[in-house]
Amino acid sequence: MAQRRAGKRPDAVAGIVEEWARERPELDTSPLEVLARLHRSYLQYQARLTSQLDEHGLSVAGFDVLTALRRIGAPYRLTAGQLAASGLISSAGVTLRLDRLEKDGLLVRERDAEDRRVVYSRLTDAGLKKVDEVFAAHLENERRMLGGLTPAERRQLARLLSKLEGSIVASDEAAEDGAEAS
């Protein structure tokens, strides 16, 4: 049913591509067919994610911190630098996120017993309970969003998106190599 509904909606990107083809037929607008759809999908995903996390009193940034601490395993603690390097969290604003989560009682900061300069952020029992509850709901939300794809299509899309990310990174490297050569 989800596939039928999705198939009946007008495709905004197709309309944009048609308009550019009419106005600038000499341009190859095929990148829009992938990247504009990816961007529009991301915006839809982000809106649904934010709405769901709001229901639990969390921001996306706070959720990223809690999940990074949870997936590292007991004792569920990392330094701010380790959190920044964990994958989804940028180093900018880590302290503000930690302040908010500490204020909400979801984590505590602890100094390392052997090196007092090192400060860990550790999930509290309340933080562990919250992240376990919210992450389960998060995965269910994502399953709903992917409901229009078969398991095989999901695996194929995951492989293609991984390849796309590599292509984007490689394009930066190629641009840098080109700039150095000139």
C-alpha atoms as a PDB file:
ATOM      1  CA  MET A   1       0.000   0.000   0.000  1.00  0.00           C
ATOM      2  CA  ALA A   2       2.849   2.384   0.839  1.00  0.00           C
ATOM      3  CA  GLN A   3       4.316   1.758  -2.604  1.00  0.00           C
ATOM      4  CA  ARG A   4       1.007   2.579  -4.290  1.00  0.00           C
ATOM      5  CA  ARG A   5       0.668   5.840  -2.370  1.00  0.00           C
ATOM      6  CA  ALA A   6       4.282   6.837  -3.055  1.00  0.00           C
ATOM      7  CA  GLY A   7       3.853   6.042  -6.758  1.00  0.00           C
ATOM      8  CA  LYS A   8       0.824   8.336  -7.117  1.00  0.00           C
ATOM      9  CA  ARG A   9       2.523  11.444  -5.765  1.00  0.00           C
ATOM     10  CA  PRO A  10       3.877  13.856  -8.356  1.00  0.00           C
ATOM     11  CA  ASP A  11       7.654  13.710  -8.601  1.00  0.00           C
ATOM     12  CA  ALA A  12       8.889  17.258  -8.006  1.00  0.00           C
ATOM     13  CA  VAL A  13      12.390  16.437  -9.230  1.00  0.00           C
ATOM     14  CA  ALA A  14      11.080  15.153 -12.558  1.00  0.00           C
ATOM     15  CA  GLY A  15       9.261  18.467 -12.963  1.00  0.00           C
ATOM     16  CA  ILE A  16      12.425  20.421 -12.174  1.00  0.00           C
ATOM     17  CA  VAL A  17      14.444  18.371 -14.668  1.00  0.00           C
ATOM     18  CA  GLU A  18      11.786  18.936 -17.354  1.00  0.00           C
ATOM     19  CA  GLU A  19      11.845  22.701 -16.704  1.00  0.00           C
ATOM     20  CA  TRP A  20      15.635  22.837 -17.002  1.00  0.00           C
ATOM     21  CA  ALA A  21      15.506  20.724 -20.168  1.00  0.00           C
ATOM     22  CA  ARG A  22      13.107  23.269 -21.642  1.00  0.00           C
ATOM     23  CA  GLU A  23      15.103  26.314 -20.521  1.00  0.00           C
ATOM     24  CA  ARG A  24      18.664  24.986 -20.906  1.00  0.00           C
ATOM     25  CA  PRO A  25      18.527  21.884 -23.125  1.00  0.00           C
ATOM     26  CA  GLU A  26      22.303  21.912 -23.573  1.00  0.00           C
ATOM     27  CA  LEU A  27      22.886  21.107 -19.867  1.00  0.00           C
ATOM     28  CA  ASP A  28      23.080  17.569 -18.511  1.00  0.00           C
ATOM     29  CA  THR A  29      20.757  17.726 -15.516  1.00  0.00           C
ATOM     30  CA  SER A  30      21.027  14.005 -14.720  1.00  0.00           C
ATOM     31  CA  PRO A  31      22.872  14.670 -11.406  1.00  0.00           C
ATOM     32  CA  LEU A  32      19.643  16.265 -10.157  1.00  0.00           C
ATOM     33  CA  GLU A  33      17.820  12.972 -10.664  1.00  0.00           C
ATOM     34  CA  VAL A  34      19.965  11.452  -7.906  1.00  0.00           C
ATOM     35  CA  LEU A  35      21.167  14.262  -5.685  1.00  0.00           C
ATOM     36  CA  ALA A  36      18.004  16.382  -5.628  1.00  0.00           C
ATOM     37  CA  ARG A  37      15.989  13.284  -4.743  1.00  0.00           C
ATOM     38  CA  LEU A  38      18.522  12.397  -2.066  1.00  0.00           C
ATOM     39  CA  HIS A  39      18.283  15.913  -0.641  1.00  0.00           C
ATOM     40  CA  ARG A  40      14.484  15.912  -0.672  1.00  0.00           C
ATOM     41  CA  SER A  41      14.453  12.465   0.960  1.00  0.00           C
ATOM     42  CA  TYR A  42      16.859  13.688   3.626  1.00  0.00           C
ATOM     43  CA  LEU A  43      14.648  16.692   4.407  1.00  0.00           C
ATOM     44  CA  GLN A  44      11.618  14.403   4.777  1.00  0.00           C
ATOM     45  CA  TYR A  45      13.616  12.019   6.970  1.00  0.00           C
ATOM     46  CA  GLN A  46      14.994  14.855   9.111  1.00  0.00           C
ATOM     47  CA  ALA A  47      11.513  16.284   9.734  1.00  0.00           C
ATOM     48  CA  ARG A  48      10.186  12.908  10.874  1.00  0.00           C
ATOM     49  CA  LEU A  49      13.247  12.212  13.031  1.00  0.00           C
ATOM     50  CA  THR A  50      13.078  15.616  14.710  1.00  0.00           C
ATOM     51  CA  SER A  51       9.358  15.242  15.375  1.00  0.00           C
ATOM     52  CA  GLN A  52       9.835  11.827  16.961  1.00  0.00           C
ATOM     53  CA  LEU A  53      12.737  12.966  19.149  1.00  0.00           C
ATOM     54  CA  ASP A  54      10.810  16.066  20.229  1.00  0.00           C
ATOM     55  CA  GLU A  55       8.174  13.727  21.664  1.00  0.00           C
ATOM     56  CA  HIS A  56      10.894  12.299  23.925  1.00  0.00           C
ATOM     57  CA  GLY A  57      12.323  15.698  24.886  1.00  0.00           C
ATOM     58  CA  LEU A  58      15.512  15.199  22.871  1.00  0.00           C
ATOM     59  CA  SER A  59      17.244  17.051  20.079  1.00  0.00           C
ATOM     60  CA  VAL A  60      18.923  15.223  17.216  1.00  0.00           C
ATOM     61  CA  ALA A  61      22.286  16.343  18.611  1.00  0.00           C
ATOM     62  CA  GLY A  62      21.464  15.034  22.084  1.00  0.00           C
ATOM     63  CA  PHE A  63      20.221  11.765  20.624  1.00  0.00           C
ATOM     64  CA  ASP A  64      23.490  11.374  18.702  1.00  0.00           C
ATOM     65  CA  VAL A  65      25.468  11.775  21.949  1.00  0.00           C
ATOM     66  CA  LEU A  66      23.287   9.308  23.854  1.00  0.00           C
ATOM     67  CA  THR A  67      23.483   6.681  21.106  1.00  0.00           C
ATOM     68  CA  ALA A  68      27.270   7.077  20.816  1.00  0.00           C
ATOM     69  CA  LEU A  69      27.614   6.480  24.560  1.00  0.00           C
ATOM     70  CA  ARG A  70      25.187   3.541  24.475  1.00  0.00           C
ATOM     71  CA  ARG A  71      26.740   1.689  21.570  1.00  0.00           C
ATOM     72  CA  ILE A  72      30.262   1.897  23.051  1.00  0.00           C
ATOM     73  CA  GLY A  73      29.104  -0.483  25.797  1.00  0.00           C
ATOM     74  CA  ALA A  74      29.522  -0.475  29.565  1.00  0.00           C
ATOM     75  CA  PRO A  75      30.538   1.687  31.326  1.00  0.00           C
ATOM     76  CA  TYR A  76      28.966   3.915  28.598  1.00  0.00           C
ATOM     77  CA  ARG A  77      31.511   6.701  28.809  1.00  0.00           C
ATOM     78  CA  LEU A  78      33.613   8.700  26.383  1.00  0.00           C
ATOM     79  CA  THR A  79      35.567  11.945  26.387  1.00  0.00           C
ATOM     80  CA  ALA A  80      34.290  14.917  24.394  1.00  0.00           C
ATOM     81  CA  GLY A  81      37.001  14.243  21.803  1.00  0.00           C
ATOM     82  CA  GLN A  82      35.988  10.592  21.513  1.00  0.00           C
ATOM     83  CA  LEU A  83      32.362  11.638  21.092  1.00  0.00           C
ATOM     84  CA  ALA A  84      33.346  14.043  18.333  1.00  0.00           C
ATOM     85  CA  ALA A  85      35.309  11.276  16.593  1.00  0.00           C
ATOM     86  CA  SER A  86      32.537   8.682  17.027  1.00  0.00           C
ATOM     87  CA  GLY A  87      31.015   9.208  13.628  1.00  0.00           C
ATOM     88  CA  LEU A  88      27.836  11.303  13.638  1.00  0.00           C
ATOM     89  CA  ILE A  89      28.783  14.058  16.065  1.00  0.00           C
ATOM     90  CA  SER A  90      30.696  17.167  15.027  1.00  0.00           C
ATOM     91  CA  SER A  91      33.197  18.614  17.471  1.00  0.00           C
ATOM     92  CA  ALA A  92      31.464  22.003  17.317  1.00  0.00           C
ATOM     93  CA  GLY A  93      28.991  22.326  20.130  1.00  0.00           C
ATOM     94  CA  VAL A  94      29.780  19.024  21.905  1.00  0.00           C
ATOM     95  CA  THR A  95      30.093  20.874  25.219  1.00  0.00           C
ATOM     96  CA  LEU A  96      26.690  22.513  24.811  1.00  0.00           C
ATOM     97  CA  ARG A  97      25.096  19.147  24.074  1.00  0.00           C
ATOM     98  CA  LEU A  98      26.787  17.600  27.096  1.00  0.00           C
ATOM     99  CA  ASP A  99      25.666  20.494  29.320  1.00  0.00           C
ATOM    100  CA  ARG A 100      22.046  19.987  28.283  1.00  0.00           C
ATOM    101  CA  LEU A 101      22.117  16.206  28.747  1.00  0.00           C
ATOM    102  CA  GLU A 102      23.814  16.580  32.130  1.00  0.00           C
ATOM    103  CA  LYS A 103      21.200  19.140  33.204  1.00  0.00           C
ATOM    104  CA  ASP A 104      18.490  16.660  32.158  1.00  0.00           C
ATOM    105  CA  GLY A 105      20.121  13.945  34.297  1.00  0.00           C
ATOM    106  CA  LEU A 106      20.917  11.715  31.318  1.00  0.00           C
ATOM    107  CA  LEU A 107      24.683  11.804  31.751  1.00  0.00           C
ATOM    108  CA  VAL A 108      27.307  12.805  34.295  1.00  0.00           C
ATOM    109  CA  ARG A 109      30.841  14.036  33.811  1.00  0.00           C
ATOM    110  CA  GLU A 110      33.616  12.273  35.658  1.00  0.00           C
ATOM    111  CA  ARG A 111      37.333  12.964  35.881  1.00  0.00           C
ATOM    112  CA  ASP A 112      39.693  10.100  35.111  1.00  0.00           C
ATOM    113  CA  ALA A 113      41.118   8.667  38.337  1.00  0.00           C
ATOM    114  CA  GLU A 114      44.658   8.524  36.936  1.00  0.00           C
ATOM    115  CA  ASP A 115      44.737  11.682  34.812  1.00  0.00           C
ATOM    116  CA  ARG A 116      42.570  14.450  36.248  1.00  0.00           C
ATOM    117  CA  ARG A 117      42.813  16.397  32.975  1.00  0.00           C
ATOM    118  CA  VAL A 118      40.656  13.761  31.244  1.00  0.00           C
ATOM    119  CA  VAL A 119      36.896  14.175  31.648  1.00  0.00           C
ATOM    120  CA  TYR A 120      34.448  11.465  30.651  1.00  0.00           C
ATOM    121  CA  SER A 121      30.759  11.805  29.957  1.00  0.00           C
ATOM    122  CA  ARG A 122      28.912   8.718  31.207  1.00  0.00           C
ATOM    123  CA  LEU A 123      25.296   7.685  30.795  1.00  0.00           C
ATOM    124  CA  THR A 124      23.295   7.692  34.013  1.00  0.00           C
ATOM    125  CA  ASP A 125      20.760   4.930  34.680  1.00  0.00           C
ATOM    126  CA  ALA A 126      18.081   7.378  33.494  1.00  0.00           C
ATOM    127  CA  GLY A 127      20.129   8.107  30.351  1.00  0.00           C
ATOM    128  CA  LEU A 128      20.557   4.408  29.617  1.00  0.00           C
ATOM    129  CA  LYS A 129      16.839   3.798  30.038  1.00  0.00           C
ATOM    130  CA  LYS A 130      15.982   6.819  27.853  1.00  0.00           C
ATOM    131  CA  VAL A 131      18.333   5.917  24.999  1.00  0.00           C
ATOM    132  CA  ASP A 132      17.194   2.293  24.969  1.00  0.00           C
ATOM    133  CA  GLU A 133      13.544   3.384  24.789  1.00  0.00           C
ATOM    134  CA  VAL A 134      14.076   6.100  22.196  1.00  0.00           C
ATOM    135  CA  PHE A 135      16.415   4.063  19.992  1.00  0.00           C
ATOM    136  CA  ALA A 136      13.886   1.217  19.742  1.00  0.00           C
ATOM    137  CA  ALA A 137      11.211   3.759  18.720  1.00  0.00           C
ATOM    138  CA  HIS A 138      13.696   5.356  16.302  1.00  0.00           C
ATOM    139  CA  LEU A 139      14.320   2.060  14.522  1.00  0.00           C
ATOM    140  CA  GLU A 140      10.588   1.407  14.252  1.00  0.00           C
ATOM    141  CA  ASN A 141      10.143   4.900  12.780  1.00  0.00           C
ATOM    142  CA  GLU A 142      12.876   4.193  10.231  1.00  0.00           C
ATOM    143  CA  ARG A 143      11.303   0.819   9.354  1.00  0.00           C
ATOM    144  CA  ARG A 144       8.024   2.637   8.636  1.00  0.00           C
ATOM    145  CA  MET A 145       9.806   5.145   6.422  1.00  0.00           C
ATOM    146  CA  LEU A 146      11.417   2.309   4.454  1.00  0.00           C
ATOM    147  CA  GLY A 147       8.136   0.402   4.180  1.00  0.00           C
ATOM    148  CA  GLY A 148       7.832   1.079   0.454  1.00  0.00           C
ATOM    149  CA  LEU A 149      11.060  -0.813  -0.274  1.00  0.00           C
ATOM    150  CA  THR A 150      11.585  -4.560  -0.301  1.00  0.00           C
ATOM    151  CA  PRO A 151      14.424  -6.002   1.805  1.00  0.00           C
ATOM    152  CA  ALA A 152      16.435  -6.536  -1.402  1.00  0.00           C
ATOM    153  CA  GLU A 153      15.842  -2.908  -2.449  1.00  0.00           C
ATOM    154  CA  ARG A 154      16.966  -1.718   0.988  1.00  0.00           C
ATOM    155  CA  ARG A 155      20.212  -3.689   0.718  1.00  0.00           C
ATOM    156  CA  GLN A 156      20.777  -2.417  -2.823  1.00  0.00           C
ATOM    157  CA  LEU A 157      20.089   1.176  -1.791  1.00  0.00           C
ATOM    158  CA  ALA A 158      22.440   0.850   1.192  1.00  0.00           C
ATOM    159  CA  ARG A 159      25.221  -0.388  -1.114  1.00  0.00           C
ATOM    160  CA  LEU A 160      24.561   2.398  -3.617  1.00  0.00           C
ATOM    161  CA  LEU A 161      24.511   5.099  -0.931  1.00  0.00           C
ATOM    162  CA  SER A 162      27.821   3.813   0.432  1.00  0.00           C
ATOM    163  CA  LYS A 163      29.237   3.967  -3.090  1.00  0.00           C
ATOM    164  CA  LEU A 164      27.796   7.479  -3.530  1.00  0.00           C
ATOM    165  CA  GLU A 165      29.467   8.668  -0.336  1.00  0.00           C
ATOM    166  CA  GLY A 166      32.783   7.286  -1.590  1.00  0.00           C
ATOM    167  CA  SER A 167      32.252   9.006  -4.927  1.00  0.00           C
ATOM    168  CA  ILE A 168      31.587  12.345  -3.242  1.00  0.00           C
ATOM    169  CA  VAL A 169      34.726  12.029  -1.090  1.00  0.00           C
ATOM    170  CA  ALA A 170      36.763  11.007  -4.137  1.00  0.00           C
ATOM    171  CA  SER A 171      35.467  14.036  -6.043  1.00  0.00           C
ATOM    172  CA  ASP A 172      36.940  16.307  -3.372  1.00  0.00           C
ATOM    173  CA  GLU A 173      40.271  14.507  -3.624  1.00  0.00           C
ATOM    174  CA  ALA A 174      40.207  14.771  -7.422  1.00  0.00           C
ATOM    175  CA  ALA A 175      39.431  18.509  -7.193  1.00  0.00           C
ATOM    176  CA  GLU A 176      42.324  18.991  -4.751  1.00  0.00           C
ATOM    177  CA  ASP A 177      44.679  17.040  -7.016  1.00  0.00           C
ATOM    178  CA  GLY A 178      43.585  19.183  -9.957  1.00  0.00           C
ATOM    179  CA  ALA A 179      44.153  22.390  -7.991  1.00  0.00           C
ATOM    180  CA  GLU A 180      47.642  21.260  -6.988  1.00  0.00           C
ATOM    181  CA  ALA A 181      48.504  20.417 -10.594  1.00  0.00           C
ATOM    182  CA  SER A 182      47.635  23.909 -11.854  1.00  0.00           C
END
